[in-house]
Amino acid sequence: MMNLKHDLRNVDFKHINNYSLQINQWCLKPIGAWPITSTSSTLEKIAAIVLIIFCSLTIAIVTVPCILYIILENQTIIAKIGAFGPLFHRIMGSISYWTLLKRSHDIHNCIQHMEIDWQLIQRIGDRETMLQYVKFGRFLAGISAAITQGGQLLFGTARAIKTTTIMVGNETFKTRPMTCPTYSKILDTRFSPINEIMLTIQFVSAFVVSSAIVSVCSLAGVFAMHACGQLNVLYAWLNELVIDYEEKGNQSVEQKLAAIVEHHLRALSFIARVESIMHKVCLVILMGCTLNMCLLGYYSIMNWGAFDAAKILSYITLYTSMGFNIFIFCYIGEILTEQCKNVGNVVYMINWYQLPHRTALCLILIIMQSSNVIKITAGKLVHLSIATFGDVIKTSMAYLNILRTMT
């Protein structure tokens, strides 16, 4: 991949597109959520269906008994609060998973859109600009995958690593506690081998839901960085308008202006498509992570007295991963809004007064279009921005204070 910068003229567009989406493929293919196209082989289609059924069953086997445990099990409120965090995480992940499956066709269209953009951009300098944003989008996807999967693995391991002693009649047994407790009248997980089987299923389900959440965050990051690359190419074209007029005349400028308008509309349509795919699942992740961050703070406080280092470290790691995922959404929402607005500023700051009057008047249309900003939102309700990230942190802390007061 390092040689791409030196040979961007003859680059394989599918190869560079696969490079930008490689981490997404690693997360989506094991759970059967990578888009299936007409060119996919029969074996790939069958494998995807089998993986979807398997992943859905593992989530259901863990989630349904945990819900029954919270509703029906005769346990203390503290014990039930301990089950809320893992349950919310799986509900949030399962919704993300089914959203990815439902919007698979739209995701594939976005991937094709990216590939066509690489074909349309011919100049080496413009491709180098796009490549910089590809690398940054890949970095966001990689760091999100590492933190989220690592945090979930550490959390599950810390909960299951220590055995607890139980008394049944006159006999004493050792068992490993479940991350998601189950309703004992349906499935008693205290005894071997059910205990080990359910622990394995819970680890698998945690991997599935974490992969789904990572995929949503990383896809949003990669798509947003691609859009930013397209808008930065647009800035370069706008800055060259006056130079082209002085060197090549008015006809060349009019052709370039037409290309600029077409490219601008194409970039905006891509952003609008990303918003339509992401806005519902963004709301789910925003609400789910807010509640989970509140609960993780509560778990940390409750375990601080005993100072169980493994558990506290796992809580902090998972808290960081959820905060980072929310930050990715808020960051891309902020940067896309600023980049779209910046188109109008760039148009105004060029020496437009040196252009022919009719050509300069056409720039007003670009300024007007840039004022109608397409915002990345959570459920069409909350505009994702850095200010929203601060509000989420404050809200989770407020919920934490309420929870501490109640318990």
Foldseek 3Di string as FASTA:
>chain_A
DVCCLVPVQPDDLVVLLCVLCVLLCVLQQQQLLQADDPPDDPVNVVSSVVSPVVLVVLLCVQQVQLVCCLVPNPDDPVVNLLQVLLNLLLVLLVVLSVLSNVCNVLLVVLSVLLSVVSVVDRDSVLVVLLVVLSVVLSVLLVVLLCLLLVLLVLQLCLQFVDWDWDDDPPDIDIAGDGSRDGDCVVPNLRDPPSVVVNSVSSNSNSSSSSSSLSSLLSSLSSLLSNLLSLLVSLLVLLQCLLVCCVVPNDVVSVVSVVVSVVSLVSSQVSVVSNLVSRQASLQSLLVSLLQSLLSLVVVLVVCVVVCPPSNNVSSVSNNVSSLSSLVSLLDSQAVQLVSLQCQLVSNVPHPLVSHPPVSSVVVVVSNVVSVPGDGRHHNVPGGRHPVVSVVSVVSSVVVNVVVVVVD
